[in-house]
């Protein structure tokens, strides 16, 4: 036996070991699409050379035949895997019927290979090899001698056709990329096509053990290069690129943390917010644990309340923490932590507390009378709003008058008579001007705009919540106190609609407090009546027609009916408003 015959199995074995190590490294790497493709190709190539090793070291017909069958199955699998991968990587769509025929043909070839046995029994024993036997060459090395049948040539033809198709797919994609001026991954084509070509050469020329084992050496080198390229993310992949783009497009810090509290991924906003993470790259993500500060956000101390854990001050910013557990069944893999920057909102809250403090000082200097104090609350609020936006202040004053007219008409119509007693109606008309008190905390330019962008609209809608917060601070929080309860209901819910299309909670029907439904009706009348076309033309019929046609689903049906029935009283008050210039 010559030196090559002796060294052949050792060289092949070392190549197998290298490919096995590469498979382990790829398995430990983050599961990108490119990593999945390369892993599958390297794994099947590893299986091919395992069969090749069995064949080369075999000293019996059964062992050599088994090794050769593994090679045939593996090479068929390699070609079909690379073909399917190229379809996705280079964006080529194959019609369904040809794919079905192609798949069935491949399955048939694999079945034929599997059923071949050393006893030459079974229905397909002669369609792959007409005859086969184990022979000994002049060097004393055993090899499988066989007479190919038509199916063997069919396998060769199929593999050659598939290889030509995969090369054609790449060339086609390369030409299209040049025409449309974009790049495709040529390195991916080269790294994956090397095993495809060499295993084919090895299968049909490597029967003599005295040949130098080029194929296993080249394929092991290809697997090393592929693993390095995957690790360095040199393969361009649409899904991974989209994943990164989505992560980095988020303005708030986002961290993906595993169940051992190691950082797995963070976006640009997180790197900017936390200087200790700014130099992290793909090779260092698995080595760095999150700071104790972040860990305490995910698993807060036992003595920390839920409210305390929701908001965190980090550096100069205040964040609302949003934690999503990542797991399946009962197994926890890690956490997705989103830190929503609430610094501006907290600044508004501080302003709110400051304004509340000023109002409290003003109220303490007034008479120690509940009625006088409440009048001062409304008067003070209106004065603050008037200084900021006179139009909003005038609107708030008008709403008190329209609310009383509407409530009185509802009772006259026999609606909600169990609630609408004198005290309720008087209190509701007194506090109705506070429905827009939250607008004081909004920017002046926003209040004066007629058309708002989506983000601006979201800020404008927040005046309901801000108004309720102001009520909480201006009036003693006693829900049994009718004045406080109605004030808060009106401020928070006056933009909820009967059909559920309103904001800010999307309540519908009688989920909306009656006080808010009545003020919403008064608010609707004032906004439509004060439109420039109605105000200039003094066309009362147009006002009520528009209310009736556009607000059928948004207003409480009884409230809408009361507006129509109380037309005379509304017109009288409207004319007074015009006369006094309110």
Protein backbone atom coordinates (compact mmCIF):
# COMPACT_ATOMS: atom_id res chain seq x y z
CA UNK A 1 0.00 0.00 0.00
CA UNK A 2 1.50 3.38 -1.04
CA UNK A 3 1.70 6.49 1.15
CA UNK A 4 -1.42 8.09 -0.36
CA UNK A 5 -3.51 5.00 0.30
CA UNK A 6 -2.39 5.09 3.93
CA UNK A 7 -2.84 8.86 4.34
CA UNK A 8 -6.15 9.08 2.46
CA UNK A 9 -8.46 8.12 5.37
CA UNK A 10 -6.49 10.32 7.78
CA UNK A 11 -6.73 13.40 5.57
CA UNK A 12 -10.42 12.75 4.99
CA UNK A 13 -10.94 12.23 8.73
CA UNK A 14 -9.28 15.57 9.58
CA UNK A 15 -11.45 17.29 6.95
CA UNK A 16 -14.51 15.69 8.51
CA UNK A 17 -13.43 16.94 11.93
CA UNK A 18 -12.98 20.48 10.60
CA UNK A 19 -16.45 20.45 9.01
CA UNK A 20 -17.95 19.08 12.23
CA UNK A 21 -16.36 21.92 14.23
CA UNK A 22 -17.71 24.46 11.71
CA UNK A 23 -21.21 22.99 12.09
CA UNK A 24 -20.97 23.41 15.88
CA UNK A 25 -19.77 27.02 15.52
CA UNK A 26 -22.59 27.82 13.09
CA UNK A 27 -25.12 26.23 15.43
CA UNK A 28 -23.93 28.43 18.30
CA UNK A 29 -24.16 31.57 16.16
CA UNK A 30 -27.28 33.74 15.99
CA UNK A 31 -29.75 31.97 13.67
CA UNK A 32 -29.77 34.31 10.67
CA UNK A 33 -31.13 33.16 7.33
CA UNK A 34 -27.59 33.07 5.87
CA UNK A 35 -26.43 30.93 8.80
CA UNK A 36 -29.29 28.47 8.22
CA UNK A 37 -28.44 28.14 4.53
CA UNK A 38 -24.72 27.62 5.13
CA UNK A 39 -25.33 25.23 8.05
CA UNK A 40 -27.55 22.99 5.94
CA UNK A 41 -25.01 22.84 3.09
CA UNK A 42 -22.03 22.18 5.39
CA UNK A 43 -24.00 19.54 7.31
CA UNK A 44 -24.94 17.59 4.18
CA UNK A 45 -21.36 17.92 2.87
CA UNK A 46 -20.19 16.49 6.20
CA UNK A 47 -22.59 13.57 5.72
CA UNK A 48 -21.24 13.01 2.20
CA UNK A 49 -17.66 12.70 3.42
CA UNK A 50 -18.75 10.47 6.27
CA UNK A 51 -20.07 8.10 3.64
CA UNK A 52 -16.90 8.70 1.63
CA UNK A 53 -14.86 7.71 4.71
CA UNK A 54 -16.88 4.53 5.16
CA UNK A 55 -16.35 3.68 1.52
CA UNK A 56 -12.61 4.38 1.59
CA UNK A 57 -12.00 2.42 4.80
CA UNK A 58 -14.39 -0.41 4.01
CA UNK A 59 -13.09 -3.92 3.52
CA UNK A 60 -16.40 -5.61 2.82
CA UNK A 61 -18.92 -5.27 0.03
CA UNK A 62 -21.67 -4.38 2.51
CA UNK A 63 -19.66 -1.54 4.14
CA UNK A 64 -18.49 -0.09 0.84
CA UNK A 65 -21.96 -0.28 -0.67
CA UNK A 66 -23.42 1.42 2.41
CA UNK A 67 -20.81 4.21 2.21
CA UNK A 68 -21.47 4.70 -1.48
CA UNK A 69 -25.23 4.89 -0.88
CA UNK A 70 -24.67 7.61 1.74
CA UNK A 71 -22.61 9.56 -0.80
CA UNK A 72 -25.32 9.28 -3.45
CA UNK A 73 -28.08 10.35 -1.04
CA UNK A 74 -25.92 13.23 0.26
CA UNK A 75 -24.97 14.52 -3.18
CA UNK A 76 -28.62 14.48 -4.25
CA UNK A 77 -29.52 16.37 -1.06
CA UNK A 78 -26.70 18.91 -1.51
CA UNK A 79 -27.86 19.73 -5.02
CA UNK A 80 -31.51 20.11 -4.06
CA UNK A 81 -30.64 22.22 -0.98
CA UNK A 82 -28.42 24.58 -2.97
CA UNK A 83 -31.06 24.83 -5.68
CA UNK A 84 -33.75 25.76 -3.09
CA UNK A 85 -31.40 28.20 -1.33
CA UNK A 86 -30.52 29.95 -4.59
CA UNK A 87 -34.22 30.38 -5.31
CA UNK A 88 -34.61 32.40 -2.10
CA UNK A 89 -31.27 34.21 -2.03
CA UNK A 90 -31.47 35.33 -5.67
CA UNK A 91 -35.26 35.77 -5.67
CA UNK A 92 -36.26 33.31 -8.40
CA UNK A 93 -39.77 31.87 -8.53
CA UNK A 94 -40.26 28.37 -10.01
CA UNK A 95 -43.75 27.33 -11.12
CA UNK A 96 -45.55 24.90 -8.81
CA UNK A 97 -46.09 22.02 -11.29
CA UNK A 98 -42.41 21.78 -12.43
CA UNK A 99 -41.39 21.89 -8.75
CA UNK A 100 -43.74 19.01 -7.92
CA UNK A 101 -42.42 16.92 -10.83
CA UNK A 102 -38.84 17.81 -9.91
CA UNK A 103 -39.40 16.83 -6.24
CA UNK A 104 -41.05 13.51 -7.13
CA UNK A 105 -38.17 12.66 -9.47
CA UNK A 106 -35.64 13.40 -6.71
CA UNK A 107 -37.60 11.27 -4.24
CA UNK A 108 -37.65 8.41 -6.78
CA UNK A 109 -33.86 8.57 -7.23
CA UNK A 110 -33.30 8.56 -3.46
CA UNK A 111 -35.62 5.55 -3.01
CA UNK A 112 -33.73 3.65 -5.71
CA UNK A 113 -30.40 4.33 -3.96
CA UNK A 114 -31.74 3.30 -0.55
CA UNK A 115 -33.19 0.00 -1.81
CA UNK A 116 -29.94 -1.23 -3.37
CA UNK A 117 -28.49 -4.04 -1.21
CA UNK A 118 -25.59 -6.49 -1.29
CA UNK A 119 -27.88 -9.50 -2.00
CA UNK A 120 -29.14 -7.93 -5.26
CA UNK A 121 -32.75 -8.50 -4.20
CA UNK A 122 -35.81 -6.31 -4.66
CA UNK A 123 -37.62 -4.66 -7.57
CA UNK A 124 -34.95 -2.00 -8.27
CA UNK A 125 -31.72 -3.97 -7.80
CA UNK A 126 -30.80 -3.79 -11.49
CA UNK A 127 -31.83 -0.24 -12.45
CA UNK A 128 -28.94 1.49 -10.62
CA UNK A 129 -26.18 -1.12 -11.11
CA UNK A 130 -26.45 -4.02 -13.53
CA UNK A 131 -23.70 -5.70 -11.54
CA UNK A 132 -21.32 -4.75 -8.75
CA UNK A 133 -18.59 -6.41 -6.69
CA UNK A 134 -15.68 -5.62 -4.40
CA UNK A 135 -12.27 -5.75 -6.14
CA UNK A 136 -8.67 -5.46 -4.89
CA UNK A 137 -6.26 -3.27 -6.86
CA UNK A 138 -2.51 -3.78 -7.33
CA UNK A 139 -1.77 -1.83 -4.13
CA UNK A 140 -4.01 -4.09 -2.07
CA UNK A 141 -6.73 -1.44 -1.70
CA UNK A 142 -10.34 -2.54 -2.05
CA UNK A 143 -12.81 -0.66 -4.24
CA UNK A 144 -16.36 -1.08 -5.50
CA UNK A 145 -16.52 -2.20 -9.11
CA UNK A 146 -19.94 -1.76 -10.70
CA UNK A 147 -21.66 -1.72 -14.08
CA UNK A 148 -23.88 1.37 -14.23
CA UNK A 149 -27.51 0.96 -15.29
CA UNK A 150 -29.85 3.60 -16.69
CA UNK A 151 -30.78 5.07 -13.27
CA UNK A 152 -27.12 5.74 -12.47
CA UNK A 153 -26.81 7.78 -15.65
CA UNK A 154 -30.11 9.48 -14.79
CA UNK A 155 -28.61 10.59 -11.45
CA UNK A 156 -25.54 12.02 -13.21
CA UNK A 157 -27.72 13.82 -15.77
CA UNK A 158 -30.02 15.18 -13.06
CA UNK A 159 -27.14 16.51 -10.99
CA UNK A 160 -25.53 18.15 -14.01
CA UNK A 161 -28.85 19.75 -15.03
CA UNK A 162 -29.43 21.06 -11.48
CA UNK A 163 -25.90 22.47 -11.34
CA UNK A 164 -26.42 24.21 -14.68
CA UNK A 165 -29.74 25.63 -13.40
CA UNK A 166 -28.15 26.96 -10.18
CA UNK A 167 -25.33 28.59 -12.16
CA UNK A 168 -27.93 30.04 -14.55
CA UNK A 169 -29.89 31.45 -11.61
CA UNK A 170 -26.76 33.18 -10.33
CA UNK A 171 -25.76 34.53 -13.76
CA UNK A 172 -29.31 35.78 -14.37
CA UNK A 173 -29.34 37.55 -10.98
CA UNK A 174 -25.90 39.02 -11.68
CA UNK A 175 -27.06 40.46 -15.02
CA UNK A 176 -30.25 41.90 -13.48
CA UNK A 177 -28.24 43.46 -10.62
CA UNK A 178 -25.93 45.16 -13.13
CA UNK A 179 -28.90 46.49 -15.12
CA UNK A 180 -30.68 47.87 -12.04
CA UNK A 181 -27.47 48.96 -10.29
CA UNK A 182 -27.61 46.94 -7.06
CA UNK A 183 -25.35 44.32 -5.51
CA UNK A 184 -25.89 40.60 -4.97
CA UNK A 185 -23.78 38.24 -2.88
CA UNK A 186 -21.27 36.65 -5.27
CA UNK A 187 -19.33 35.29 -2.30
CA UNK A 188 -22.38 33.28 -1.25
CA UNK A 189 -22.51 31.69 -4.71
CA UNK A 190 -18.82 30.74 -4.63
CA UNK A 191 -18.77 29.38 -1.08
CA UNK A 192 -21.86 27.21 -1.58
CA UNK A 193 -21.00 26.07 -5.13
CA UNK A 194 -17.53 24.75 -4.16
CA UNK A 195 -18.93 21.78 -2.17
CA UNK A 196 -21.49 21.14 -4.92
CA UNK A 197 -18.80 20.86 -7.59
CA UNK A 198 -16.20 18.94 -5.61
CA UNK A 199 -18.51 16.31 -4.15
CA UNK A 200 -19.72 15.61 -7.68
CA UNK A 201 -16.13 15.19 -8.88
CA UNK A 202 -15.27 13.14 -5.81
CA UNK A 203 -18.26 10.83 -6.26
CA UNK A 204 -17.52 9.88 -9.85
CA UNK A 205 -13.70 9.93 -9.82
CA UNK A 206 -12.76 9.06 -6.25
CA UNK A 207 -13.11 5.29 -6.45
CA UNK A 208 -9.35 4.80 -6.49
CA UNK A 209 -7.87 5.25 -2.99
CA UNK A 210 -4.50 6.26 -4.34
CA UNK A 211 -5.85 9.64 -5.55
CA UNK A 212 -4.92 12.71 -3.50
CA UNK A 213 -8.02 13.77 -1.46
CA UNK A 214 -8.56 17.19 -3.01
CA UNK A 215 -12.33 17.10 -2.44
CA UNK A 216 -12.44 16.78 1.38
CA UNK A 217 -9.63 19.33 1.82
CA UNK A 218 -11.26 21.92 -0.46
CA UNK A 219 -14.70 21.40 1.12
CA UNK A 220 -13.30 21.76 4.64
CA UNK A 221 -11.62 25.03 3.60
CA UNK A 222 -14.90 26.19 2.05
CA UNK A 223 -16.75 25.41 5.29
CA UNK A 224 -14.20 27.48 7.28
CA UNK A 225 -14.57 30.44 4.90
CA UNK A 226 -18.37 30.17 4.97
CA UNK A 227 -18.40 30.11 8.77
CA UNK A 228 -16.13 33.16 8.96
CA UNK A 229 -18.28 35.05 6.47
CA UNK A 230 -21.46 34.24 8.39
CA UNK A 231 -19.81 35.31 11.67
CA UNK A 232 -18.67 38.60 10.14
CA UNK A 233 -22.08 39.05 8.48
CA UNK A 234 -20.55 39.39 5.03
CA UNK A 235 -23.54 37.70 3.38
CA UNK A 236 -26.24 40.22 2.50
CA UNK A 237 -29.63 38.88 3.55
CA UNK A 238 -32.93 40.73 3.19
CA UNK A 239 -34.47 39.40 6.42
CA UNK A 240 -31.44 40.21 8.59
CA UNK A 241 -31.05 43.64 7.02
CA UNK A 242 -34.76 44.34 7.60
CA UNK A 243 -34.43 43.17 11.21
CA UNK A 244 -31.55 45.58 11.82
CA UNK A 245 -33.35 48.42 10.04
CA UNK A 246 -36.47 47.94 12.18
CA UNK A 247 -34.39 47.81 15.37
CA UNK A 248 -32.44 50.97 14.54
CA UNK A 249 -35.46 52.90 13.25
CA UNK A 250 -36.99 52.88 16.72
CA UNK A 251 -36.38 56.16 18.53
CA UNK A 252 -36.63 54.61 21.98
CA UNK A 253 -33.89 52.34 23.41
CA UNK A 254 -34.54 48.65 22.76
CA UNK A 255 -32.56 45.77 24.28
CA UNK A 256 -32.83 42.02 23.68
CA UNK A 257 -31.54 40.20 26.78
CA UNK A 258 -31.25 36.44 27.32
CA UNK A 259 -32.32 34.57 30.47
CA UNK A 260 -28.78 34.85 31.90
CA UNK A 261 -28.97 38.65 31.50
CA UNK A 262 -26.42 38.85 28.70
CA UNK A 263 -26.97 41.46 26.00
CA UNK A 264 -27.96 39.82 22.70
CA UNK A 265 -28.97 42.84 20.62
CA UNK A 266 -29.49 46.57 21.15
CA UNK A 267 -30.43 49.35 18.76
CA UNK A 268 -28.73 52.67 18.09
CA UNK A 269 -30.97 54.53 20.54
CA UNK A 270 -29.88 52.18 23.35
CA UNK A 271 -26.21 52.68 22.48
CA UNK A 272 -26.75 56.44 22.64
CA UNK A 273 -28.56 56.22 25.99
CA UNK A 274 -26.06 53.84 27.60
CA UNK A 275 -22.41 54.75 26.88
CA UNK A 276 -21.19 51.39 28.21
CA UNK A 277 -22.83 49.67 25.21
CA UNK A 278 -21.71 52.04 22.45
CA UNK A 279 -18.78 49.85 21.32
CA UNK A 280 -20.71 46.58 21.25
CA UNK A 281 -20.59 44.65 18.01
CA UNK A 282 -21.75 41.19 16.95
CA UNK A 283 -18.68 39.48 18.37
CA UNK A 284 -19.11 41.01 21.83
CA UNK A 285 -22.87 40.78 22.37
CA UNK A 286 -22.71 37.37 24.04
CA UNK A 287 -19.90 38.38 26.42
CA UNK A 288 -21.42 41.41 28.15
CA UNK A 289 -23.98 41.28 30.92
CA UNK A 290 -26.51 44.03 31.43
CA UNK A 291 -25.84 46.56 34.15
CA UNK A 292 -27.42 46.00 37.59
CA UNK A 293 -29.61 49.04 36.81
CA UNK A 294 -31.12 47.32 33.76
CA UNK A 295 -31.37 43.99 35.58
CA UNK A 296 -33.35 45.67 38.37
CA UNK A 297 -35.77 47.01 35.75
CA UNK A 298 -36.45 43.48 34.50
CA UNK A 299 -36.54 41.86 37.94
CA UNK A 300 -37.27 44.69 40.42
CA UNK A 301 -36.43 44.26 44.11
CA UNK A 302 -39.12 42.71 46.29
CA UNK A 303 -39.71 45.95 48.22
CA UNK A 304 -40.35 48.00 45.07
CA UNK A 305 -43.98 48.66 44.12
CA UNK A 306 -45.37 48.21 40.62
CA UNK A 307 -45.70 51.97 40.14
CA UNK A 308 -42.08 52.51 41.17
CA UNK A 309 -40.81 49.90 38.69
CA UNK A 310 -42.76 51.32 35.75
CA UNK A 311 -40.83 54.61 35.56
CA UNK A 312 -37.04 54.84 35.80
CA UNK A 313 -34.75 57.85 35.80
CA UNK A 314 -31.57 57.03 33.89
CA UNK A 315 -29.12 59.87 33.52
CA UNK A 316 -31.07 63.00 32.58
CA UNK A 317 -34.03 61.11 31.12
CA UNK A 318 -37.12 59.47 32.58
CA UNK A 319 -38.26 56.22 30.92
CA UNK A 320 -41.44 54.20 31.03
CA UNK A 321 -40.32 50.58 31.00
CA UNK A 322 -42.00 48.07 28.71
CA UNK A 323 -40.91 44.46 29.32
CA UNK A 324 -41.91 41.54 27.08
CA UNK A 325 -40.96 38.01 28.05
CA UNK A 326 -39.67 35.87 25.19
CA UNK A 327 -40.44 32.21 25.63
CA UNK A 328 -42.31 29.16 24.46
CA UNK A 329 -44.52 27.01 26.62
CA UNK A 330 -42.92 27.18 30.08
CA UNK A 331 -39.38 27.93 28.92
CA UNK A 332 -38.16 31.53 29.21
CA UNK A 333 -35.51 32.44 26.63
CA UNK A 334 -35.10 36.09 27.55
CA UNK A 335 -36.62 39.55 27.50
CA UNK A 336 -37.38 42.38 25.12
CA UNK A 337 -36.93 45.65 27.01
CA UNK A 338 -38.25 48.90 25.49
CA UNK A 339 -37.58 52.18 27.27
CA UNK A 340 -40.11 54.81 26.23
CA UNK A 341 -38.70 58.28 26.83
CA UNK A 342 -41.16 60.12 29.07
CA UNK A 343 -38.91 63.06 29.96
CA UNK A 344 -41.10 65.64 28.18
CA UNK A 345 -44.28 64.25 29.74
CA UNK A 346 -42.66 64.40 33.17
CA UNK A 347 -41.69 67.99 32.46
CA UNK A 348 -45.34 68.73 31.69
CA UNK A 349 -46.31 67.01 34.92
CA UNK A 350 -43.91 69.26 36.83
CA UNK A 351 -45.47 72.28 35.16
CA UNK A 352 -48.88 70.94 36.11
CA UNK A 353 -47.82 70.64 39.75
CA UNK A 354 -46.41 74.17 39.67
CA UNK A 355 -49.63 75.56 38.19
CA UNK A 356 -51.67 73.59 40.69
CA UNK A 357 -49.58 75.05 43.49
CA UNK A 358 -50.22 78.58 42.20
CA UNK A 359 -53.95 77.90 41.95
CA UNK A 360 -53.95 76.50 45.49
CA UNK A 361 -52.30 79.67 46.80
CA UNK A 362 -54.91 81.79 45.00
CA UNK A 363 -57.75 79.69 46.40
CA UNK A 364 -56.41 79.80 49.98
CA UNK A 365 -56.66 83.61 49.91
CA UNK A 366 -60.34 83.44 48.94
CA UNK A 367 -63.26 83.10 51.29
CA UNK A 368 -63.43 79.82 53.17
CA UNK A 369 -66.58 78.85 51.32
CA UNK A 370 -67.03 75.74 49.22
CA UNK A 371 -69.12 77.56 46.62
CA UNK A 372 -66.75 80.48 46.40
CA UNK A 373 -63.76 78.15 46.17
CA UNK A 374 -65.33 76.25 43.31
CA UNK A 375 -66.19 79.44 41.51
CA UNK A 376 -62.59 80.49 41.93
CA UNK A 377 -61.43 77.20 40.42
CA UNK A 378 -63.44 77.77 37.28
CA UNK A 379 -62.66 81.47 37.15
CA UNK A 380 -58.94 80.81 37.67
CA UNK A 381 -58.86 78.07 35.06
CA UNK A 382 -60.66 80.24 32.52
CA UNK A 383 -58.28 83.10 33.22
CA UNK A 384 -55.24 80.87 32.66
CA UNK A 385 -56.71 79.58 29.41
CA UNK A 386 -57.72 83.09 28.29
CA UNK A 387 -54.12 84.26 28.70
CA UNK A 388 -52.95 81.35 26.55
CA UNK A 389 -55.72 81.15 23.93
CA UNK A 390 -58.77 83.50 24.12
CA UNK A 391 -60.75 81.43 21.58
CA UNK A 392 -60.52 78.30 23.75
CA UNK A 393 -61.53 80.26 26.86
CA UNK A 394 -64.60 81.70 25.06
CA UNK A 395 -65.57 78.22 23.89
CA UNK A 396 -65.33 76.89 27.48
CA UNK A 397 -67.62 79.64 28.78
CA UNK A 398 -70.26 79.00 26.11
CA UNK A 399 -70.33 75.29 26.90
CA UNK A 400 -71.64 75.97 30.43
CA UNK A 401 -74.73 77.72 29.05
CA UNK A 402 -75.42 75.13 26.34
CA UNK A 403 -74.96 72.29 28.86
CA UNK A 404 -77.68 73.65 31.12
CA UNK A 405 -80.11 74.08 28.18
CA UNK A 406 -79.43 70.52 27.00
CA UNK A 407 -79.74 68.93 30.45
CA UNK A 408 -83.03 70.75 31.08
CA UNK A 409 -84.40 69.64 27.69
CA UNK A 410 -83.41 66.03 28.38
CA UNK A 411 -85.43 66.05 31.59
CA UNK A 412 -88.32 67.74 29.82
CA UNK A 413 -88.26 64.94 27.21
CA UNK A 414 -88.43 62.35 30.00
CA UNK A 415 -84.84 61.09 29.47
CA UNK A 416 -82.62 60.18 32.45
CA UNK A 417 -85.07 61.77 34.89
CA UNK A 418 -83.72 59.56 37.71
CA UNK A 419 -80.35 61.34 37.40
CA UNK A 420 -81.19 64.82 36.14
CA UNK A 421 -82.35 66.47 39.36
CA UNK A 422 -81.83 70.18 40.05
CA UNK A 423 -78.56 69.68 41.93
CA UNK A 424 -77.10 67.49 39.18
CA UNK A 425 -78.03 69.92 36.39
CA UNK A 426 -76.78 72.97 38.26
CA UNK A 427 -73.48 71.30 39.16
CA UNK A 428 -73.00 69.99 35.62
CA UNK A 429 -73.55 73.41 34.06
CA UNK A 430 -71.09 74.92 36.57
CA UNK A 431 -68.26 72.49 35.85
CA UNK A 432 -68.88 72.14 32.09
CA UNK A 433 -66.36 74.90 31.25
CA UNK A 434 -63.63 72.69 32.78
CA UNK A 435 -63.99 70.12 30.01
CA UNK A 436 -61.06 71.63 28.05
CA UNK A 437 -58.94 72.69 31.02
CA UNK A 438 -56.19 70.26 29.97
CA UNK A 439 -55.50 72.37 26.87
CA UNK A 440 -53.66 74.84 29.08
CA UNK A 441 -50.73 72.40 29.14
CA UNK A 442 -50.56 72.17 25.34
CA UNK A 443 -48.37 74.44 23.18
CA UNK A 444 -50.12 77.66 22.10
CA UNK A 445 -49.29 77.10 18.43
CA UNK A 446 -50.96 73.70 18.57
CA UNK A 447 -54.22 75.18 19.88
CA UNK A 448 -54.29 77.72 17.07
CA UNK A 449 -53.79 75.22 14.25
CA UNK A 450 -56.78 74.20 12.12
CA UNK A 451 -55.16 71.08 10.64
CA UNK A 452 -52.97 68.72 12.64
CA UNK A 453 -50.40 66.09 11.69
CA UNK A 454 -50.94 62.58 13.20
CA UNK A 455 -48.35 63.17 15.94
CA UNK A 456 -49.81 66.61 16.71
CA UNK A 457 -53.31 65.12 16.83
CA UNK A 458 -52.09 62.56 19.37
CA UNK A 459 -50.71 65.36 21.55
CA UNK A 460 -53.96 67.34 21.19
CA UNK A 461 -56.00 64.32 22.26
CA UNK A 462 -53.94 64.06 25.45
CA UNK A 463 -55.71 67.16 26.79
CA UNK A 464 -58.45 64.89 28.16
CA UNK A 465 -56.01 63.02 30.42
CA UNK A 466 -54.17 66.21 31.36
CA UNK A 467 -57.51 67.84 32.23
CA UNK A 468 -58.47 64.95 34.53
CA UNK A 469 -55.08 65.22 36.24
CA UNK A 470 -55.62 68.93 36.82
CA UNK A 471 -59.07 68.22 38.30
CA UNK A 472 -57.47 65.66 40.63
CA UNK A 473 -55.10 68.32 41.92
CA UNK A 474 -57.51 71.27 42.03
CA UNK A 475 -60.41 69.54 43.80
CA UNK A 476 -60.39 67.18 46.77
CA UNK A 477 -60.38 63.63 45.38
CA UNK A 478 -63.65 62.42 46.84
CA UNK A 479 -65.67 60.45 44.31
CA UNK A 480 -68.79 60.87 46.45
CA UNK A 481 -68.48 64.62 45.88
CA UNK A 482 -70.72 65.32 42.87
CA UNK A 483 -68.73 68.42 41.90
CA UNK A 484 -65.43 66.47 41.75
CA UNK A 485 -66.94 63.42 40.07
CA UNK A 486 -68.69 65.35 37.29
CA UNK A 487 -65.66 67.59 36.73
CA UNK A 488 -63.37 64.62 36.24
CA UNK A 489 -65.86 62.67 34.08
CA UNK A 490 -66.41 65.63 31.77
CA UNK A 491 -62.70 66.42 31.41
CA UNK A 492 -61.70 62.81 30.73
CA UNK A 493 -64.58 61.47 28.62
CA UNK A 494 -66.14 64.38 26.69
CA UNK A 495 -64.54 63.16 23.43
CA UNK A 496 -65.81 59.55 23.76
CA UNK A 497 -68.44 58.72 21.09
CA UNK A 498 -71.61 56.68 21.38
CA UNK A 499 -70.40 54.29 18.65
CA UNK A 500 -66.96 53.79 20.26
CA UNK A 501 -65.06 55.87 17.69
CA UNK A 502 -63.96 58.54 20.16
CA UNK A 503 -60.90 58.91 22.34
CA UNK A 504 -59.07 58.42 24.57
CA UNK A 505 -60.39 55.06 25.81
CA UNK A 506 -62.79 54.20 22.99
CA UNK A 507 -65.80 53.80 25.30
CA UNK A 508 -69.20 53.23 23.70
CA UNK A 509 -72.87 53.63 24.64
CA UNK A 510 -73.67 53.86 28.32
CA UNK A 511 -70.08 53.03 29.23
CA UNK A 512 -69.62 56.80 28.80
CA UNK A 513 -70.83 58.73 31.89
CA UNK A 514 -74.03 60.75 31.28
CA UNK A 515 -72.27 63.98 32.26
CA UNK A 516 -69.71 63.51 29.47
CA UNK A 517 -72.43 62.60 26.95
CA UNK A 518 -74.35 65.80 27.72
CA UNK A 519 -71.25 68.02 27.53
CA UNK A 520 -70.25 66.26 24.28
CA UNK A 521 -73.64 67.32 22.85
CA UNK A 522 -73.12 70.93 23.97
CA UNK A 523 -69.58 70.83 22.62
CA UNK A 524 -70.82 69.54 19.26
CA UNK A 525 -73.47 72.28 18.96
CA UNK A 526 -70.94 75.03 19.75
CA UNK A 527 -68.30 73.78 17.32
CA UNK A 528 -70.75 73.45 14.44
CA UNK A 529 -72.58 76.69 15.25
CA UNK A 530 -69.32 78.65 15.41
CA UNK A 531 -68.12 77.50 11.98
CA UNK A 532 -67.41 80.56 9.89
CA UNK A 533 -70.02 79.73 7.24
CA UNK A 534 -72.77 79.34 9.86
CA UNK A 535 -71.63 82.30 11.95
CA UNK A 536 -71.58 84.64 8.95
CA UNK A 537 -74.86 83.46 7.41
CA UNK A 538 -76.77 83.09 10.69
CA UNK A 539 -78.44 80.03 9.09
CA UNK A 540 -79.91 78.13 12.05
CA UNK A 541 -81.46 75.40 9.90
CA UNK A 542 -78.04 74.60 8.39
CA UNK A 543 -76.59 74.23 11.89
CA UNK A 544 -79.21 71.74 13.08
CA UNK A 545 -79.23 69.88 9.75
CA UNK A 546 -75.47 69.34 9.97
CA UNK A 547 -75.72 68.16 13.57
CA UNK A 548 -78.52 65.74 12.70
CA UNK A 549 -76.75 64.36 9.59
CA UNK A 550 -73.20 64.05 10.89
CA UNK A 551 -73.60 63.15 14.56
CA UNK A 552 -76.17 60.32 14.44
CA UNK A 553 -73.68 57.66 15.52
CA UNK A 554 -71.46 59.77 17.74
CA UNK A 555 -73.98 61.36 20.12
CA UNK A 556 -76.25 59.67 22.62
CA UNK A 557 -79.58 59.34 20.67
CA UNK A 558 -81.49 61.04 23.53
CA UNK A 559 -78.94 63.88 23.60
CA UNK A 560 -79.25 64.36 19.83
CA UNK A 561 -83.04 64.35 20.13
CA UNK A 562 -82.87 66.96 22.94
CA UNK A 563 -80.70 69.26 20.80
CA UNK A 564 -83.34 69.14 18.04
CA UNK A 565 -86.25 69.54 20.50
CA UNK A 566 -84.53 72.42 22.28
CA UNK A 567 -83.84 74.29 19.06
CA UNK A 568 -85.57 77.50 20.22
CA UNK A 569 -83.54 77.73 23.47
CA UNK A 570 -80.27 76.97 21.62
CA UNK A 571 -81.02 79.67 19.02
CA UNK A 572 -81.84 82.20 21.74
CA UNK A 573 -78.54 81.52 23.53
CA UNK A 574 -76.63 81.51 20.23
CA UNK A 575 -77.98 84.97 19.33
CA UNK A 576 -76.98 86.21 22.78
CA UNK A 577 -73.49 84.84 22.25
CA UNK A 578 -73.24 86.67 18.91
CA UNK A 579 -74.55 89.90 20.40
CA UNK A 580 -72.10 89.86 23.32
CA UNK A 581 -69.24 88.70 21.08
CA UNK A 582 -68.42 85.68 23.26
